[in-house]
Amino acid sequence: MDTELPIMENKDALDSTPTLNPQFTVTIRGWEDDKDEEVRDFGQRLCQLTREISNFIDLSRLDRIVIGSDYHEALASVNGEQAPVPTPTANEYGNGFAMATNIFRGDEVWSVVVIWTPLVRAIFDHEDPNQPLALHTFVHELIHVDDTRLFTTTYPGGWRAAKPRDARDAALQTIVHPCQAEYSAQRRSAFAAPEQGLMHMSMLKEVMSDVDEQVRKERLAYRLHGDVASLWKVVSERLGFLFQALGYALGHADWVLENRDDHPELASKFDAEIEALREMSKGWLIDASREAVQPLFNLTEWTNMGVYDPLIAVAERLLNEYRMSTSVREDGLYIDMPYTGIHDL
């Protein structure tokens, strides 16, 4: 294998036996210059790399990898199998071009990784400055595969038994789940491109700077249209992306800080970035989210959905700061938002 893997975290070490299933395939849908030999060589090397990585993380539920020059077409090629059909991230902060999506094989949940060709093409070219990012992106998605496998194969009674306690839990889990998913994937793949996390710190700062005004705008609009469902849809989307950005940034930061001896200058930069975030109006989210995500990150097997409770408490506290609170009424989600004057919005 010609792409060297730095030593991964101890929690990722298996018994040095590849976990990749024998039926695993790599499919390449479109190549910029249509060189068949180059395409075959890339696919074979990517398959070999995936098998090597499966010595460190459990990829026994990885069905295939799809690399496409048209990302949305490649993602659509999995349609009909997915559970449910995924929506790539797309907002003013960026667009997603890599995803580990889930499919059914009978009652089993398997994963398909879909990546835009330009994002991963440099993975074997060590002269290309984008090579570390390509490797990082690739491993990041494979971590999602491993995390999904852990959830679907260890949850008591099977993954179908994993249900929120009520409508409130369901709504708030949707908001906070991106934090735990991206924290794990980012922290366990940061070794491939340590400095990449500074970009995520920058994005988190931007998101945290914007969220107050975004929610205020929706609360003001609600006073005019009175549609609480419309209000909740936008607020939950905005807060969901905030928690996603927290997962990206804090997961990467925690890996760098844990490996401070190997990256002293970079760790100092992350220290400064984290301190700057703590000084923001929603700076309490940094330490609260880091603490709340640990029970999920440290899981070796699932026991119940209560492991989300610490993150849900963070989300509820954030909603309370926006003069919103959630509860259950008549088996549905109830959102309480007492009327305030326009000047308080």
Protein backbone atom coordinates (compact mmCIF):
# COMPACT_ATOMS: atom_id res chain seq x y z
CA MET A 1 0.00 0.00 0.00
CA ASP A 2 1.46 3.35 -1.03
CA THR A 3 -0.60 5.69 1.17
CA GLU A 4 0.90 5.51 4.63
CA LEU A 5 -1.49 5.56 7.57
CA PRO A 6 -0.24 7.34 10.68
CA ILE A 7 -0.89 5.43 13.90
CA MET A 8 -4.58 5.68 14.72
CA GLU A 9 -6.03 6.02 18.20
CA ASN A 10 -5.90 2.96 20.44
CA LYS A 11 -9.67 2.71 20.46
CA ASP A 12 -9.50 2.01 16.72
CA ALA A 13 -7.01 -0.85 16.95
CA LEU A 14 -8.47 -4.28 16.18
CA ASP A 15 -6.54 -7.54 15.91
CA SER A 16 -4.79 -6.65 12.63
CA THR A 17 -7.25 -8.77 10.68
CA PRO A 18 -9.08 -6.92 7.88
CA THR A 19 -12.78 -6.56 8.69
CA LEU A 20 -13.87 -5.62 5.16
CA ASN A 21 -16.49 -8.00 3.78
CA PRO A 22 -15.41 -10.10 0.75
CA GLN A 23 -18.19 -8.67 -1.46
CA PHE A 24 -17.04 -5.07 -0.99
CA THR A 25 -16.67 -3.09 -4.24
CA VAL A 26 -15.45 0.31 -5.45
CA THR A 27 -17.49 1.92 -8.23
CA ILE A 28 -16.22 4.95 -10.14
CA ARG A 29 -18.88 6.91 -12.02
CA GLY A 30 -17.12 9.29 -14.36
CA TRP A 31 -13.48 10.37 -14.51
CA GLU A 32 -12.32 13.75 -15.73
CA ASP A 33 -10.16 12.46 -18.58
CA ASP A 34 -11.84 9.06 -19.18
CA LYS A 35 -8.58 7.09 -18.93
CA ASP A 36 -9.81 3.55 -18.32
CA GLU A 37 -6.47 2.22 -17.10
CA GLU A 38 -6.08 5.10 -14.67
CA VAL A 39 -9.61 4.56 -13.40
CA ARG A 40 -9.02 0.83 -12.81
CA ASP A 41 -5.72 1.50 -11.06
CA PHE A 42 -7.30 4.12 -8.79
CA GLY A 43 -10.17 1.80 -7.92
CA GLN A 44 -7.85 -1.09 -7.08
CA ARG A 45 -5.63 1.09 -4.91
CA LEU A 46 -8.65 2.56 -3.12
CA CYS A 47 -9.93 -0.95 -2.44
CA GLN A 48 -6.53 -1.92 -1.05
CA LEU A 49 -6.41 1.19 1.13
CA THR A 50 -9.90 0.48 2.48
CA ARG A 51 -8.91 -3.07 3.36
CA GLU A 52 -5.83 -1.76 5.20
CA ILE A 53 -7.91 0.75 7.14
CA SER A 54 -10.28 -2.06 8.11
CA ASN A 55 -7.45 -3.41 10.29
CA PHE A 56 -8.03 -0.40 12.54
CA ILE A 57 -11.79 0.26 12.31
CA ASP A 58 -14.58 -2.24 11.81
CA LEU A 59 -15.81 -1.96 8.22
CA SER A 60 -17.68 -5.27 8.19
CA ARG A 61 -20.90 -3.41 7.28
CA LEU A 62 -19.42 -1.39 4.40
CA ASP A 63 -21.18 -2.48 1.22
CA ARG A 64 -19.36 -0.35 -1.34
CA ILE A 65 -17.74 2.97 -2.16
CA VAL A 66 -19.02 5.11 -5.01
CA ILE A 67 -16.74 7.82 -6.45
CA GLY A 68 -18.44 10.18 -8.88
CA SER A 69 -17.50 13.24 -10.91
CA ASP A 70 -21.16 14.28 -10.54
CA TYR A 71 -21.67 13.97 -6.79
CA HIS A 72 -25.44 14.31 -6.80
CA GLU A 73 -25.79 11.77 -9.61
CA ALA A 74 -23.53 9.37 -7.71
CA LEU A 75 -25.63 9.84 -4.57
CA ALA A 76 -28.83 9.35 -6.56
CA SER A 77 -27.45 6.06 -7.92
CA VAL A 78 -28.00 4.60 -4.45
CA ASN A 79 -31.66 5.72 -4.40
CA GLY A 80 -34.15 2.98 -3.72
CA GLU A 81 -31.86 1.28 -1.22
CA GLN A 82 -31.31 4.08 1.26
CA ALA A 83 -32.85 4.36 4.68
CA PRO A 84 -33.84 7.17 4.50
CA VAL A 85 -32.78 9.09 1.38
CA PRO A 86 -30.08 11.54 2.58
CA THR A 87 -29.80 15.25 1.94
CA PRO A 88 -26.29 16.67 1.49
CA THR A 89 -25.35 19.70 3.58
CA ALA A 90 -25.96 22.87 1.59
CA ASN A 91 -26.13 26.32 3.15
CA GLU A 92 -24.28 29.62 3.27
CA TYR A 93 -21.40 28.00 5.16
CA GLY A 94 -20.60 25.34 2.59
CA ASN A 95 -21.72 22.30 0.63
CA GLY A 96 -21.15 18.64 1.42
CA PHE A 97 -19.55 16.39 -1.20
CA ALA A 98 -18.97 13.20 0.78
CA MET A 99 -21.39 11.02 2.69
CA ALA A 100 -21.76 7.62 4.33
CA THR A 101 -25.36 6.70 3.57
CA ASN A 102 -27.25 3.65 4.82
CA ILE A 103 -28.99 0.85 2.93
CA PHE A 104 -30.96 -2.24 3.92
CA ARG A 105 -29.95 -5.83 3.35
CA GLY A 106 -32.97 -7.58 4.73
CA ASP A 107 -33.12 -6.38 8.33
CA GLU A 108 -29.45 -5.42 8.40
CA VAL A 109 -28.21 -1.85 7.94
CA TRP A 110 -25.18 -1.51 5.65
CA SER A 111 -23.32 1.59 4.49
CA VAL A 112 -22.39 3.03 1.12
CA VAL A 113 -19.77 5.80 1.03
CA VAL A 114 -20.27 8.33 -1.78
CA ILE A 115 -17.55 10.89 -2.53
CA TRP A 116 -17.11 13.53 -5.23
CA THR A 117 -14.11 12.58 -7.39
CA PRO A 118 -12.09 15.84 -7.04
CA LEU A 119 -12.32 15.55 -3.25
CA VAL A 120 -10.53 12.20 -3.12
CA ARG A 121 -8.54 11.98 -6.35
CA ALA A 122 -5.30 13.21 -4.76
CA ILE A 123 -5.34 10.55 -2.03
CA PHE A 124 -2.35 8.66 -3.52
CA ASP A 125 -0.40 11.69 -4.76
CA HIS A 126 1.93 12.75 -1.95
CA GLU A 127 3.19 15.68 -4.04
CA ASP A 128 -0.31 17.18 -4.12
CA PRO A 129 -0.99 19.60 -1.24
CA ASN A 130 -4.57 18.29 -1.13
CA GLN A 131 -3.48 14.72 -0.35
CA PRO A 132 -3.88 15.01 3.45
CA LEU A 133 -7.38 16.44 3.04
CA ALA A 134 -8.30 13.65 0.63
CA LEU A 135 -7.15 11.00 3.11
CA HIS A 136 -8.86 12.79 5.97
CA THR A 137 -12.17 13.00 4.08
CA PHE A 138 -11.98 9.34 3.16
CA VAL A 139 -11.24 8.11 6.69
CA HIS A 140 -13.84 10.49 8.14
CA GLU A 141 -16.58 8.81 6.10
CA LEU A 142 -15.32 5.35 7.04
CA ILE A 143 -15.60 6.29 10.71
CA HIS A 144 -19.28 7.03 10.10
CA VAL A 145 -19.56 3.49 8.73
CA ASP A 146 -18.01 2.04 11.88
CA ASP A 147 -20.20 4.16 14.16
CA THR A 148 -23.35 3.10 12.31
CA ARG A 149 -22.29 -0.55 12.57
CA LEU A 150 -21.79 -0.17 16.32
CA PHE A 151 -25.26 1.32 16.75
CA THR A 152 -27.16 -1.12 14.53
CA THR A 153 -25.43 -4.29 15.77
CA THR A 154 -25.21 -3.64 19.53
CA TYR A 155 -28.44 -1.83 20.39
CA PRO A 156 -30.47 -4.05 22.77
CA GLY A 157 -33.31 -5.71 20.91
CA GLY A 158 -31.95 -4.60 17.55
CA TRP A 159 -31.68 -1.20 15.92
CA ARG A 160 -35.44 -1.01 15.29
CA ALA A 161 -35.92 -0.92 19.07
CA ALA A 162 -33.92 2.33 19.28
CA LYS A 163 -36.77 4.77 19.70
CA PRO A 164 -36.94 8.15 21.46
CA ARG A 165 -38.98 8.26 24.66
CA ASP A 166 -41.44 10.76 23.22
CA ALA A 167 -41.96 13.45 20.59
CA ARG A 168 -39.80 15.93 22.48
CA ASP A 169 -36.85 13.55 22.61
CA ALA A 170 -37.31 12.77 18.92
CA ALA A 171 -37.20 16.46 17.97
CA LEU A 172 -34.22 17.32 20.14
CA GLN A 173 -32.25 14.20 19.19
CA THR A 174 -32.56 15.31 15.56
CA ILE A 175 -30.94 18.62 16.52
CA VAL A 176 -28.05 17.21 18.57
CA HIS A 177 -27.28 13.98 16.70
CA PRO A 178 -25.01 15.77 14.16
CA CYS A 179 -22.80 16.88 17.05
CA GLN A 180 -22.05 13.34 18.23
CA ALA A 181 -21.74 11.95 14.69
CA GLU A 182 -19.28 14.57 13.48
CA TYR A 183 -17.37 14.75 16.76
CA SER A 184 -16.57 11.05 16.52
CA ALA A 185 -15.74 11.06 12.81
CA GLN A 186 -13.60 14.17 13.09
CA ARG A 187 -11.71 13.18 16.22
CA ARG A 188 -10.91 9.71 14.87
CA SER A 189 -9.77 10.98 11.45
CA ALA A 190 -7.96 14.19 12.43
CA PHE A 191 -4.60 12.40 12.36
CA ALA A 192 -4.69 12.52 8.55
CA ALA A 193 -4.82 16.32 8.28
CA PRO A 194 -4.28 17.94 11.70
CA GLU A 195 -4.28 21.54 10.46
CA GLN A 196 -7.56 21.06 8.61
CA GLY A 197 -9.39 21.56 11.89
CA LEU A 198 -8.56 25.27 11.92
CA MET A 199 -11.01 25.68 9.04
CA HIS A 200 -13.71 24.03 11.16
CA MET A 201 -12.89 26.33 14.08
CA SER A 202 -13.34 29.28 11.76
CA MET A 203 -16.67 27.95 10.48
CA LEU A 204 -17.91 27.36 14.04
CA LYS A 205 -17.04 30.93 14.97
CA GLU A 206 -19.05 32.18 12.00
CA VAL A 207 -22.03 29.97 12.83
CA MET A 208 -22.00 31.01 16.48
CA SER A 209 -21.80 34.66 15.42
CA ASP A 210 -24.86 34.32 13.18
CA VAL A 211 -27.22 32.07 15.11
CA ASP A 212 -28.69 34.68 17.49
CA GLU A 213 -29.82 36.90 14.64
CA GLN A 214 -31.06 33.90 12.63
CA VAL A 215 -33.30 32.75 15.48
CA ARG A 216 -34.41 36.30 16.27
CA LYS A 217 -35.45 36.74 12.64
CA GLU A 218 -37.59 33.61 12.76
CA ARG A 219 -39.19 34.57 16.08
CA LEU A 220 -40.09 37.96 14.63
CA ALA A 221 -41.53 36.30 11.51
CA TYR A 222 -43.56 33.98 13.76
CA ARG A 223 -45.21 36.97 15.43
CA LEU A 224 -46.49 37.92 11.98
CA HIS A 225 -47.50 34.54 10.51
CA GLY A 226 -48.31 32.59 13.70
CA ASP A 227 -47.25 29.24 12.21
CA VAL A 228 -45.33 27.43 14.94
CA ALA A 229 -44.50 24.50 12.63
CA SER A 230 -42.79 26.88 10.21
CA LEU A 231 -40.89 28.51 13.07
CA TRP A 232 -39.73 25.18 14.49
CA LYS A 233 -38.61 23.87 11.10
CA VAL A 234 -36.20 26.75 10.55
CA VAL A 235 -35.02 27.01 14.17
CA SER A 236 -34.33 23.26 14.40
CA GLU A 237 -32.42 23.36 11.10
CA ARG A 238 -30.30 26.31 12.25
CA LEU A 239 -29.57 24.78 15.64
CA GLY A 240 -28.93 21.39 14.04
CA PHE A 241 -26.21 22.90 11.88
CA LEU A 242 -24.80 24.72 14.91
CA PHE A 243 -24.45 21.38 16.71
CA GLN A 244 -22.95 19.85 13.57
CA ALA A 245 -20.36 22.63 13.44
CA LEU A 246 -19.62 22.06 17.14
CA GLY A 247 -18.99 18.39 16.41
CA TYR A 248 -16.61 19.11 13.54
CA ALA A 249 -14.59 21.72 15.40
CA LEU A 250 -14.45 20.18 18.86
CA GLY A 251 -13.75 16.67 17.62
CA HIS A 252 -10.76 17.87 15.65
CA ALA A 253 -9.57 20.18 18.41
CA ASP A 254 -9.71 17.44 21.02
CA TRP A 255 -7.55 15.13 18.89
CA VAL A 256 -4.94 17.87 18.38
CA LEU A 257 -4.92 18.78 22.07
CA GLU A 258 -4.69 15.13 23.06
CA ASN A 259 -1.63 14.86 20.82
CA ARG A 260 -0.11 18.17 21.90
CA ASP A 261 3.40 16.71 22.24
CA ASP A 262 3.43 15.83 18.53
CA HIS A 263 1.86 19.12 17.40
CA PRO A 264 2.83 21.79 19.97
CA GLU A 265 2.48 24.84 17.71
CA LEU A 266 -0.81 23.65 16.25
CA ALA A 267 -2.15 22.86 19.72
CA SER A 268 -1.37 26.42 20.80
CA LYS A 269 -3.38 27.72 17.86
CA PHE A 270 -6.33 25.56 18.87
CA ASP A 271 -6.02 26.76 22.47
CA ALA A 272 -6.34 30.34 21.25
CA GLU A 273 -9.27 29.50 18.96
CA ILE A 274 -11.16 27.73 21.74
CA GLU A 275 -10.58 30.60 24.14
CA ALA A 276 -11.90 33.05 21.55
CA LEU A 277 -15.02 30.93 21.12
CA ARG A 278 -15.57 30.83 24.88
CA GLU A 279 -15.64 34.64 24.89
CA MET A 280 -18.59 34.76 22.46
CA SER A 281 -22.19 35.27 23.58
CA LYS A 282 -22.86 31.54 23.23
CA GLY A 283 -19.39 30.58 24.41
CA TRP A 284 -20.77 28.33 27.14
CA LEU A 285 -21.67 25.87 24.36
CA ILE A 286 -18.00 24.92 23.94
CA ASP A 287 -17.42 23.26 27.29
CA ALA A 288 -21.03 22.12 27.70
CA SER A 289 -21.05 20.35 24.33
CA ARG A 290 -17.59 18.81 24.81
CA GLU A 291 -18.69 17.31 28.11
CA ALA A 292 -22.10 16.20 26.87
CA VAL A 293 -20.77 14.36 23.81
CA GLN A 294 -18.29 12.19 25.72
CA PRO A 295 -20.77 9.45 26.77
CA LEU A 296 -21.61 8.93 23.10
CA PHE A 297 -18.01 9.07 21.92
CA ASN A 298 -16.87 6.54 24.50
CA LEU A 299 -19.55 3.96 23.76
CA THR A 300 -18.31 0.42 23.17
CA GLU A 301 -21.86 -0.84 22.82
CA TRP A 302 -25.27 0.83 22.97
CA THR A 303 -27.55 0.40 25.99
CA ASN A 304 -30.38 2.91 25.48
CA MET A 305 -31.18 6.27 23.90
CA GLY A 306 -30.74 8.03 27.22
CA VAL A 307 -27.10 8.52 26.28
CA TYR A 308 -28.33 11.53 24.27
CA ASP A 309 -29.73 13.21 27.40
CA PRO A 310 -26.68 15.38 28.21
CA LEU A 311 -26.67 16.83 24.68
CA ILE A 312 -30.45 17.28 24.77
CA ALA A 313 -30.03 19.27 27.98
CA VAL A 314 -27.57 21.55 26.16
CA ALA A 315 -30.08 22.06 23.33
CA GLU A 316 -32.90 22.83 25.77
CA ARG A 317 -30.74 25.37 27.59
CA LEU A 318 -29.99 27.03 24.28
CA LEU A 319 -33.68 27.14 23.37
CA ASN A 320 -34.46 28.64 26.79
CA GLU A 321 -32.05 31.49 26.02
CA TYR A 322 -34.23 32.20 22.99
CA ARG A 323 -37.31 32.22 25.28
CA MET A 324 -38.46 28.88 23.92
CA SER A 325 -39.05 25.66 25.83
CA THR A 326 -40.18 22.20 24.78
CA SER A 327 -42.47 19.64 26.36
CA VAL A 328 -44.89 16.85 25.42
CA ARG A 329 -48.63 17.41 25.16
CA GLU A 330 -51.10 14.85 23.83
CA ASP A 331 -48.19 12.69 22.63
CA GLY A 332 -46.84 15.53 20.49
CA LEU A 333 -44.14 18.15 20.75
CA TYR A 334 -45.27 21.38 22.40
CA ILE A 335 -43.20 24.53 21.99
CA ASP A 336 -43.83 27.25 24.53
CA MET A 337 -42.74 30.73 23.53
CA PRO A 338 -44.37 33.38 25.75
CA TYR A 339 -45.25 36.59 24.01
CA THR A 340 -42.73 39.39 24.44
CA GLY A 341 -42.56 42.87 23.07
CA ILE A 342 -40.90 43.41 19.73
CA HIS A 343 -37.94 45.00 21.52
CA ASP A 344 -37.32 41.69 23.36
CA LEU A 345 -37.17 39.61 20.20
